[in-house]
Amino acid sequence: MNAQSPSAIELEFARHYDQEHARVCLQPRAQSLSGRLAFWREQQLVRRALKVAGEPGLILDVACGVGRFWPVWAEHANRVILATDPSQAILDHARTHHPQGVLQRVRTFQSSAFTIGLSENAVDSIFCMQLFQHLVEPEHRLAMLGEFHRVSRDTVILAVRIRGRFKARRADVQGATALALASRFEVEAEFRQAGFRVLSHHDLLPGFGSMRIYVLCKTG
């Protein structure tokens, strides 16, 4: 696996993530109840997505951050986890967040999400739970989806911010809040253009929240 240079948008996202994560790590209080409930719901949706994807054995976590879902993926005894992030500092720090039993299952490497240092059809499934949400421009989303299509043999699981009934502003990687990107129709058209079909989708808060987890399958 050869390290690839991160793109400008990934470097900016990594810088913002570094700042936000450092701030959270310094907070002495435990995560709020609402935060714990949201994370529990995300874990529930990830487990459901894994089942829809056929319980893939070799997965790649793209823009993994501190690996917040590694313990969920490690619940499958025979699963192998690869994880990449544009920031080597974040990858190093991630290894302080998990027990050794989980870390033994994870192999990390620094790489851009737009030029992943793996061969074609290298993994069964790709996860992207953070970075894709922050891509505002359709050409950026299509570029990333094209790379996912190249590297994944079968499925892609990613989180998207969908514009719903509530007024949404444009996403800003420098802001503290992840905001909606596009309509469901726009995003799903991009999936088809990139060579995927939608197997399933599930909303974090059905009817209210903007975050949606998609399970995509390659069509060719």
Protein backbone atom coordinates (compact mmCIF):
# COMPACT_ATOMS: atom_id res chain seq x y z
CA MET A 1 0.00 0.00 0.00
CA ASN A 2 1.55 3.24 -1.17
CA ALA A 3 0.72 6.52 0.55
CA GLN A 4 -1.02 9.00 -1.76
CA SER A 5 -0.98 12.75 -1.28
CA PRO A 6 -4.17 14.10 0.30
CA SER A 7 -6.25 16.58 -1.68
CA ALA A 8 -6.69 20.20 -0.57
CA ILE A 9 -10.19 19.52 0.75
CA GLU A 10 -8.95 16.51 2.75
CA LEU A 11 -6.13 18.55 4.25
CA GLU A 12 -8.60 21.23 5.31
CA PHE A 13 -10.96 18.60 6.73
CA ALA A 14 -8.07 16.95 8.58
CA ARG A 15 -7.01 20.30 10.03
CA HIS A 16 -10.54 21.00 11.23
CA TYR A 17 -10.89 17.44 12.55
CA ASP A 18 -7.60 17.77 14.45
CA GLN A 19 -8.85 20.95 16.11
CA GLU A 20 -12.29 19.59 16.97
CA HIS A 21 -10.93 16.29 18.25
CA ALA A 22 -8.33 17.99 20.41
CA ARG A 23 -11.09 20.16 21.91
CA VAL A 24 -13.28 17.13 22.68
CA CYS A 25 -10.38 15.15 24.17
CA LEU A 26 -9.66 17.99 26.59
CA GLN A 27 -13.24 18.15 27.87
CA PRO A 28 -13.43 16.49 31.32
CA ARG A 29 -17.15 15.72 31.14
CA ALA A 30 -18.61 12.59 29.62
CA GLN A 31 -20.51 12.78 26.35
CA SER A 32 -24.05 14.14 26.71
CA LEU A 33 -27.04 11.82 26.79
CA SER A 34 -28.18 13.01 23.37
CA GLY A 35 -24.69 12.38 21.99
CA ARG A 36 -24.61 8.86 23.42
CA LEU A 37 -28.07 8.12 22.02
CA ALA A 38 -27.08 9.42 18.57
CA PHE A 39 -23.95 7.26 18.58
CA TRP A 40 -25.96 4.22 19.70
CA ARG A 41 -28.32 4.82 16.77
CA GLU A 42 -25.38 5.16 14.36
CA GLN A 43 -23.95 1.86 15.61
CA GLN A 44 -27.35 0.23 15.12
CA LEU A 45 -27.52 1.49 11.53
CA VAL A 46 -23.95 0.35 10.80
CA ARG A 47 -24.77 -3.18 12.00
CA ARG A 48 -27.86 -3.15 9.80
CA ALA A 49 -25.83 -1.91 6.82
CA LEU A 50 -23.30 -4.70 7.32
CA LYS A 51 -26.06 -7.28 7.15
CA VAL A 52 -27.47 -5.74 3.95
CA ALA A 53 -23.95 -5.80 2.47
CA GLY A 54 -23.64 -9.52 3.23
CA GLU A 55 -21.35 -9.22 6.28
CA PRO A 56 -18.20 -8.40 4.27
CA GLY A 57 -15.00 -10.02 5.50
CA LEU A 58 -12.45 -7.45 4.28
CA ILE A 59 -13.46 -3.81 4.73
CA LEU A 60 -11.77 -0.47 4.23
CA ASP A 61 -12.56 2.49 6.50
CA VAL A 62 -11.89 5.65 4.46
CA ALA A 63 -11.12 8.92 6.30
CA CYS A 64 -11.42 6.85 9.46
CA GLY A 65 -10.57 9.55 12.00
CA VAL A 66 -10.20 7.89 15.39
CA GLY A 67 -11.97 4.73 14.24
CA ARG A 68 -15.20 5.22 16.14
CA PHE A 69 -16.82 2.20 14.44
CA TRP A 70 -13.87 -0.22 14.66
CA PRO A 71 -15.32 -2.03 17.71
CA VAL A 72 -18.57 -2.61 15.79
CA TRP A 73 -16.78 -4.05 12.78
CA ALA A 74 -14.58 -6.18 15.03
CA GLU A 75 -17.68 -7.92 16.40
CA HIS A 76 -17.42 -10.24 13.38
CA ALA A 77 -14.67 -12.66 14.40
CA ASN A 78 -13.30 -13.27 10.89
CA ARG A 79 -13.45 -9.68 9.64
CA VAL A 80 -10.25 -7.91 8.56
CA ILE A 81 -10.25 -4.10 8.85
CA LEU A 82 -8.11 -1.73 6.79
CA ALA A 83 -8.29 1.95 7.72
CA THR A 84 -6.95 5.03 5.99
CA ASP A 85 -6.92 8.74 6.75
CA PRO A 86 -5.18 11.74 5.15
CA SER A 87 -3.71 12.64 8.55
CA GLN A 88 -1.01 10.38 9.97
CA ALA A 89 -1.34 12.21 13.29
CA ILE A 90 -5.00 11.16 13.50
CA LEU A 91 -4.09 7.56 12.63
CA ASP A 92 -1.49 7.54 15.41
CA HIS A 93 -3.95 9.05 17.86
CA ALA A 94 -6.65 6.55 16.90
CA ARG A 95 -4.52 3.78 18.34
CA THR A 96 -4.92 5.33 21.80
CA HIS A 97 -8.73 5.08 21.65
CA HIS A 98 -9.25 1.33 21.44
CA PRO A 99 -8.39 -1.84 23.36
CA GLN A 100 -5.59 -4.03 22.05
CA GLY A 101 -8.05 -6.71 20.99
CA VAL A 102 -9.60 -4.29 18.49
CA LEU A 103 -6.30 -2.76 17.36
CA GLN A 104 -4.95 -6.20 16.47
CA ARG A 105 -7.70 -6.44 13.87
CA VAL A 106 -6.97 -3.08 12.21
CA ARG A 107 -4.22 -2.18 9.73
CA THR A 108 -3.89 1.57 9.12
CA PHE A 109 -2.18 3.52 6.36
CA GLN A 110 -2.11 7.17 5.31
CA SER A 111 -3.83 7.86 2.01
CA SER A 112 -6.09 10.23 0.13
CA ALA A 113 -9.69 9.13 -0.28
CA PHE A 114 -9.50 10.24 -3.92
CA THR A 115 -6.44 8.13 -4.77
CA ILE A 116 -6.45 5.17 -2.40
CA GLY A 117 -3.20 3.22 -2.36
CA LEU A 118 -4.83 -0.14 -3.12
CA SER A 119 -5.37 -2.16 -6.30
CA GLU A 120 -8.68 -2.65 -8.12
CA ASN A 121 -11.27 -4.78 -6.29
CA ALA A 122 -8.95 -4.93 -3.27
CA VAL A 123 -11.63 -5.08 -0.56
CA ASP A 124 -15.13 -6.46 -0.15
CA SER A 125 -16.63 -3.22 1.11
CA ILE A 126 -15.72 0.41 1.74
CA PHE A 127 -17.05 2.54 4.62
CA CYS A 128 -16.98 6.34 4.60
CA MET A 129 -18.87 7.76 7.55
CA GLN A 130 -17.43 11.29 7.74
CA LEU A 131 -15.65 12.83 4.76
CA PHE A 132 -18.30 12.22 2.08
CA GLN A 133 -20.80 14.24 4.13
CA HIS A 134 -18.61 17.32 3.76
CA LEU A 135 -18.26 17.25 -0.03
CA VAL A 136 -20.42 20.06 -1.34
CA GLU A 137 -19.54 19.96 -5.05
CA PRO A 138 -20.98 17.15 -7.21
CA GLU A 139 -17.66 16.69 -9.04
CA HIS A 140 -15.91 16.00 -5.73
CA ARG A 141 -18.51 13.41 -4.75
CA LEU A 142 -18.31 11.76 -8.18
CA ALA A 143 -14.50 11.65 -7.99
CA MET A 144 -14.62 9.91 -4.63
CA LEU A 145 -17.35 7.52 -5.73
CA GLY A 146 -15.28 6.63 -8.79
CA GLU A 147 -12.33 5.70 -6.59
CA PHE A 148 -14.61 3.66 -4.33
CA HIS A 149 -15.92 1.84 -7.40
CA ARG A 150 -12.35 1.00 -8.41
CA VAL A 151 -11.21 -0.31 -5.01
CA SER A 152 -14.32 -2.09 -3.73
CA ARG A 153 -15.17 -5.50 -5.13
CA ASP A 154 -18.82 -5.39 -4.07
CA THR A 155 -20.32 -2.73 -1.79
CA VAL A 156 -19.88 0.78 -0.40
CA ILE A 157 -21.47 2.05 2.81
CA LEU A 158 -21.45 5.79 3.39
CA ALA A 159 -23.19 8.53 5.33
CA VAL A 160 -24.75 11.44 3.45
CA ARG A 161 -26.31 14.68 4.60
CA ILE A 162 -29.64 14.90 2.76
CA ARG A 163 -31.56 18.11 2.29
CA GLY A 164 -34.99 17.48 3.76
CA ARG A 165 -37.98 19.54 4.79
CA PHE A 166 -35.88 22.01 6.74
CA LYS A 167 -33.86 24.82 5.22
CA ALA A 168 -30.24 23.78 4.81
CA ARG A 169 -27.16 25.85 4.34
CA ARG A 170 -24.15 24.80 2.30
CA ALA A 171 -21.68 22.57 4.08
CA ASP A 172 -18.52 24.21 5.28
CA VAL A 173 -15.53 22.11 6.37
CA GLN A 174 -14.36 25.08 8.44
CA GLY A 175 -17.62 25.23 10.39
CA ALA A 176 -18.34 23.29 13.55
CA THR A 177 -21.49 21.64 12.21
CA ALA A 178 -21.97 19.14 9.39
CA LEU A 179 -24.72 20.51 7.14
CA ALA A 180 -26.89 19.14 4.36
CA LEU A 181 -25.36 18.68 0.92
CA ALA A 182 -27.93 17.90 -1.70
CA SER A 183 -31.33 16.43 -2.35
CA ARG A 184 -31.90 12.69 -2.29
CA PHE A 185 -32.52 12.75 -6.04
CA GLU A 186 -29.21 14.48 -6.79
CA VAL A 187 -27.14 12.16 -4.62
CA GLU A 188 -28.81 8.97 -5.86
CA ALA A 189 -28.34 10.11 -9.47
CA GLU A 190 -24.64 10.50 -8.72
CA PHE A 191 -24.54 6.98 -7.31
CA ARG A 192 -25.96 5.63 -10.58
CA GLN A 193 -23.58 7.73 -12.65
CA ALA A 194 -20.64 6.28 -10.70
CA GLY A 195 -21.79 2.71 -11.34
CA PHE A 196 -23.72 1.87 -8.16
CA ARG A 197 -27.27 0.91 -7.29
CA VAL A 198 -28.85 1.52 -3.90
CA LEU A 199 -29.41 -1.63 -1.85
CA SER A 200 -30.85 0.20 1.16
CA HIS A 201 -30.86 3.46 3.05
CA HIS A 202 -31.69 4.30 6.65
CA ASP A 203 -32.09 7.70 8.32
CA LEU A 204 -30.50 8.51 11.65
CA LEU A 205 -33.76 10.12 12.78
CA PRO A 206 -36.52 9.06 10.37
CA GLY A 207 -38.55 12.04 9.21
CA PHE A 208 -36.38 14.62 10.99
CA GLY A 209 -32.61 14.23 10.80
CA SER A 210 -30.62 14.87 7.65
CA MET A 211 -28.05 12.08 8.04
CA ARG A 212 -28.73 8.97 5.95
CA ILE A 213 -26.63 5.81 5.64
CA TYR A 214 -26.63 4.25 2.17
CA VAL A 215 -25.58 0.75 1.18
CA LEU A 216 -24.49 0.73 -2.47
CA CYS A 217 -23.65 -2.21 -4.73
CA LYS A 218 -21.49 -2.07 -7.85
CA THR A 219 -23.40 -2.59 -11.09
CA GLY A 220 -20.38 -3.20 -13.30
